[in-house]
N, C-alpha and C. Protein backbone atom coordinates (compact mmCIF):
# COMPACT_ATOMS: atom_id res chain seq x y z
N MET A 1 7.87 -14.76 13.16
CA MET A 1 7.04 -12.93 12.79
C MET A 1 5.87 -13.75 11.84
N GLU A 2 4.46 -13.50 12.54
CA GLU A 2 3.17 -13.64 11.60
C GLU A 2 3.08 -13.59 10.35
N ILE A 3 2.33 -14.43 10.02
CA ILE A 3 1.88 -14.10 8.43
C ILE A 3 0.36 -14.25 7.90
N ILE A 4 0.73 -13.63 7.06
CA ILE A 4 -0.91 -13.26 7.18
C ILE A 4 -1.14 -12.74 5.62
N THR A 5 -2.44 -14.00 4.83
CA THR A 5 -2.60 -13.42 3.96
C THR A 5 -2.70 -12.38 3.18
N LEU A 6 -2.65 -12.12 1.43
CA LEU A 6 -3.10 -11.00 0.97
C LEU A 6 -4.14 -10.36 1.28
N ASN A 7 -5.60 -11.05 1.57
CA ASN A 7 -6.40 -10.51 1.60
C ASN A 7 -7.15 -9.92 2.86
N ASP A 8 -6.26 -10.99 3.62
CA ASP A 8 -6.25 -10.09 5.58
C ASP A 8 -5.41 -9.09 5.42
N ALA A 9 -4.02 -8.70 4.71
CA ALA A 9 -3.94 -7.30 4.69
C ALA A 9 -5.21 -6.10 4.51
N LEU A 10 -5.58 -6.33 3.58
CA LEU A 10 -6.36 -5.55 2.67
C LEU A 10 -7.14 -5.36 3.62
N LYS A 11 -7.64 -6.31 4.30
CA LYS A 11 -8.75 -5.84 5.67
C LYS A 11 -8.62 -4.98 6.72
N LEU A 12 -7.17 -5.63 6.60
CA LEU A 12 -6.57 -4.49 7.73
C LEU A 12 -6.63 -2.99 7.49
N MET A 13 -6.00 -2.75 5.90
CA MET A 13 -5.94 -1.28 5.75
C MET A 13 -7.56 -0.66 5.65
N GLU A 14 -8.49 -1.99 5.40
CA GLU A 14 -9.80 -0.62 5.81
C GLU A 14 -10.27 -0.89 6.96
N ALA A 15 -9.88 -1.30 7.62
CA ALA A 15 -10.01 -0.91 8.90
C ALA A 15 -9.47 0.03 9.95
N GLY A 16 -8.40 0.56 9.39
CA GLY A 16 -7.66 2.35 9.61
C GLY A 16 -6.60 1.98 9.18
N SER A 17 -6.04 3.28 10.95
CA SER A 17 -4.59 3.53 10.39
C SER A 17 -3.75 1.62 10.08
N PHE A 18 -2.71 1.56 9.79
CA PHE A 18 -1.44 0.66 9.73
C PHE A 18 -0.44 0.99 9.43
N ASP A 19 0.53 0.56 9.75
CA ASP A 19 2.61 0.04 9.03
C ASP A 19 2.45 -0.41 8.11
N ILE A 20 2.64 0.09 6.65
CA ILE A 20 2.99 -1.13 6.07
C ILE A 20 4.63 -1.06 4.82
N THR A 21 4.89 -1.82 4.86
CA THR A 21 6.11 -1.70 4.13
C THR A 21 5.67 -2.36 2.54
N VAL A 22 5.99 -1.75 1.44
CA VAL A 22 6.27 -2.00 0.09
C VAL A 22 7.42 -1.99 -0.52
N ILE A 23 7.69 -2.69 -1.91
CA ILE A 23 8.06 -2.27 -2.76
C ILE A 23 8.30 -1.61 -4.09
N THR A 24 8.83 -0.74 -4.29
CA THR A 24 8.42 0.31 -5.35
C THR A 24 8.86 -0.83 -6.92
N CYS A 25 8.09 -0.04 -8.02
CA CYS A 25 8.23 -0.69 -8.86
C CYS A 25 7.12 0.01 -9.88
N ASP A 26 8.02 0.60 -10.73
CA ASP A 26 7.40 1.59 -11.63
C ASP A 26 8.24 1.25 -13.44
N LEU A 27 7.37 0.16 -14.33
CA LEU A 27 7.77 -0.34 -15.26
C LEU A 27 7.97 0.52 -16.35
N ASN A 28 6.92 1.49 -16.34
CA ASN A 28 7.13 3.08 -17.43
C ASN A 28 9.19 3.64 -17.14
N ARG A 29 9.10 3.75 -16.19
CA ARG A 29 10.38 4.45 -16.08
C ARG A 29 11.56 3.52 -15.90
N ASN A 30 11.59 2.41 -15.50
CA ASN A 30 12.32 1.08 -15.62
C ASN A 30 12.62 1.33 -13.72
N LYS A 31 12.12 1.62 -12.89
CA LYS A 31 12.87 2.07 -12.01
C LYS A 31 11.69 1.17 -10.76
N GLY A 32 12.96 0.73 -9.74
CA GLY A 32 11.97 0.39 -8.53
C GLY A 32 12.99 -1.00 -8.04
N GLY A 33 12.44 -1.62 -6.56
CA GLY A 33 13.44 -2.51 -5.65
C GLY A 33 13.69 -1.87 -4.20
N ARG A 34 13.08 -0.66 -4.40
CA ARG A 34 13.61 0.09 -2.58
C ARG A 34 12.69 -0.30 -2.16
N ARG A 35 12.19 -1.08 -1.02
CA ARG A 35 11.68 -1.34 0.04
C ARG A 35 11.31 0.32 0.66
N VAL A 36 10.24 0.49 0.67
CA VAL A 36 9.48 1.79 1.15
C VAL A 36 8.62 1.86 2.47
N ASN A 37 8.93 2.29 3.77
CA ASN A 37 7.66 2.43 4.67
C ASN A 37 7.03 2.95 4.94
N PHE A 38 5.83 3.24 5.67
CA PHE A 38 4.52 4.27 5.07
C PHE A 38 4.06 3.71 6.71
N ARG A 39 4.62 4.82 8.07
CA ARG A 39 3.81 4.56 9.12
C ARG A 39 2.86 5.70 9.19
N ASN A 40 2.18 5.20 10.51
CA ASN A 40 0.76 5.35 10.60
C ASN A 40 -0.03 6.09 8.88
N ALA A 41 -0.34 5.08 8.26
CA ALA A 41 -1.01 5.48 7.14
C ALA A 41 -2.50 4.61 7.18
N ARG A 42 -2.94 5.66 5.95
CA ARG A 42 -4.34 5.32 6.03
C ARG A 42 -5.26 5.34 5.15
N LEU A 43 -6.02 4.86 4.26
CA LEU A 43 -6.43 4.52 2.70
C LEU A 43 -6.74 5.82 2.27
N SER A 44 -7.06 6.36 1.62
CA SER A 44 -6.70 7.94 1.09
C SER A 44 -7.59 7.79 -0.55
N THR A 45 -8.94 8.38 -0.90
CA THR A 45 -10.02 8.19 -1.76
C THR A 45 -9.80 9.82 -2.60
N PRO A 46 -8.36 10.16 -3.24
CA PRO A 46 -8.33 11.23 -3.81
C PRO A 46 -9.31 11.94 -5.53
N SER A 47 -10.00 12.76 -4.91
CA SER A 47 -11.40 12.83 -6.29
C SER A 47 -10.96 11.96 -7.58
N GLY A 48 -11.39 11.49 -8.09
CA GLY A 48 -11.08 11.15 -9.36
C GLY A 48 -10.18 9.82 -9.45
N LYS A 49 -10.20 9.32 -8.80
CA LYS A 49 -9.11 8.38 -8.41
C LYS A 49 -9.10 7.17 -8.70
N GLY A 50 -10.98 7.01 -8.07
CA GLY A 50 -11.45 5.82 -7.56
C GLY A 50 -11.66 5.01 -8.82
N TYR A 51 -11.56 5.42 -9.65
CA TYR A 51 -12.36 4.33 -11.06
C TYR A 51 -10.51 4.20 -11.43
N TYR A 52 -9.58 4.65 -11.28
CA TYR A 52 -8.44 4.44 -11.75
C TYR A 52 -7.87 3.29 -11.01
N ASN A 53 -8.37 3.62 -9.24
CA ASN A 53 -8.15 2.56 -8.69
C ASN A 53 -8.41 1.16 -8.98
N PHE A 54 -9.58 0.99 -9.10
CA PHE A 54 -10.38 -0.16 -9.42
C PHE A 54 -9.76 -0.89 -10.53
N ARG A 55 -9.70 -0.27 -11.92
CA ARG A 55 -9.25 -0.23 -12.73
C ARG A 55 -7.73 -0.96 -13.19
N ASN A 56 -6.98 -0.42 -12.02
CA ASN A 56 -4.92 -0.94 -11.95
C ASN A 56 -5.07 -1.58 -10.62
N ASN A 57 -6.17 -2.20 -10.04
CA ASN A 57 -5.73 -2.79 -8.79
C ASN A 57 -4.82 -2.17 -7.80
N THR A 58 -4.72 -0.94 -7.14
CA THR A 58 -4.33 -0.59 -6.40
C THR A 58 -4.44 0.39 -5.29
N ARG A 59 -4.11 0.84 -4.64
CA ARG A 59 -4.59 1.60 -3.24
C ARG A 59 -4.03 2.80 -3.19
N THR A 60 -4.87 3.72 -2.98
CA THR A 60 -4.76 4.83 -2.62
C THR A 60 -4.00 5.07 -1.17
N ILE A 61 -2.61 5.20 -1.17
CA ILE A 61 -2.54 5.83 0.83
C ILE A 61 -1.72 7.33 1.79
N ILE A 62 -2.38 7.43 2.13
CA ILE A 62 -1.71 8.63 3.07
C ILE A 62 -1.04 8.71 3.94
N SER A 63 0.16 9.03 4.86
CA SER A 63 0.86 9.03 5.59
C SER A 63 1.54 10.01 6.59
N PRO A 64 1.44 10.33 7.93
CA PRO A 64 1.98 11.81 7.88
C PRO A 64 2.89 12.20 7.10
N GLY A 65 3.38 13.57 7.09
CA GLY A 65 4.53 14.16 6.15
C GLY A 65 5.14 13.34 4.84
N MET A 66 3.72 12.62 4.44
CA MET A 66 3.43 13.13 2.92
C MET A 66 3.65 13.71 2.83
N ASP A 67 3.80 14.98 0.96
CA ASP A 67 3.76 15.82 0.73
C ASP A 67 2.66 15.05 -0.13
N HIS A 68 2.08 13.92 -0.74
CA HIS A 68 1.17 13.97 -1.54
C HIS A 68 0.06 12.47 -1.52
N PRO A 69 -0.53 11.58 -1.87
CA PRO A 69 -1.43 10.77 -1.82
C PRO A 69 -0.49 9.07 -2.53
N GLU A 70 0.32 7.97 -2.10
CA GLU A 70 1.08 7.47 -2.68
C GLU A 70 -0.04 6.13 -3.67
N SER A 71 0.03 5.98 -4.70
CA SER A 71 -0.29 4.83 -4.75
C SER A 71 0.79 3.80 -4.66
N ILE A 72 -0.27 2.27 -4.59
CA ILE A 72 0.44 1.37 -3.76
C ILE A 72 0.02 0.08 -5.22
N HIS A 73 0.31 -1.47 -4.91
CA HIS A 73 -0.08 -2.11 -5.62
C HIS A 73 0.12 -3.28 -4.91
N PRO A 74 -1.20 -3.59 -3.98
CA PRO A 74 -1.00 -4.45 -2.90
C PRO A 74 -0.23 -5.94 -3.34
N ILE A 75 -0.05 -6.16 -4.27
CA ILE A 75 0.98 -7.03 -4.20
C ILE A 75 2.02 -7.10 -4.51
N LEU A 76 2.90 -5.65 -4.02
CA LEU A 76 4.28 -5.60 -3.60
C LEU A 76 3.88 -5.22 -2.29
N MET A 77 3.45 -5.47 -1.45
CA MET A 77 3.11 -5.27 0.15
C MET A 77 4.14 -6.49 0.58
N THR A 78 4.79 -6.12 1.22
CA THR A 78 5.48 -7.42 2.28
C THR A 78 5.24 -7.45 3.96
N HIS A 79 5.05 -6.17 4.41
CA HIS A 79 4.66 -6.18 5.70
C HIS A 79 3.34 -5.47 5.81
N ILE A 80 2.43 -5.67 6.75
CA ILE A 80 1.49 -4.64 7.38
C ILE A 80 1.67 -4.87 9.34
N ASN A 81 1.94 -4.18 10.04
CA ASN A 81 1.74 -4.08 10.87
C ASN A 81 2.56 -4.65 12.05
N GLY A 82 3.53 -5.52 11.21
CA GLY A 82 4.82 -5.94 11.88
C GLY A 82 4.32 -7.50 11.42
N LYS A 83 3.64 -7.41 10.45
CA LYS A 83 2.63 -9.12 10.32
C LYS A 83 3.44 -9.36 8.56
N GLU A 84 4.78 -10.55 8.37
CA GLU A 84 3.96 -10.68 6.65
C GLU A 84 3.08 -10.90 5.33
N VAL A 85 3.25 -10.66 4.30
CA VAL A 85 2.08 -10.82 3.90
C VAL A 85 2.69 -12.10 2.79
N SER A 86 2.02 -12.50 2.88
CA SER A 86 2.19 -13.73 1.56
C SER A 86 1.15 -13.71 1.00
N LEU A 87 1.20 -14.51 -0.43
CA LEU A 87 -0.11 -14.74 -1.40
C LEU A 87 -0.53 -15.69 -1.01
């Protein structure tokens, strides 16, 4: 399996649609650790969230079949487009 850097993974996200696997983590609710796959996802900037994303170093994605956009932390990405993400 090909390994790419986090910086290269972020560039792939900006280029268009992508398949991504992330690990969930919610420190406020003390939950997480699940692996979640998003297929044909793309970056989304819902109104009012741009500053939040910048401040918290998150990305908001939307995928077909999702009820609402999801915020993810790029450091929790494990795979993008079949490539392993490494720090």
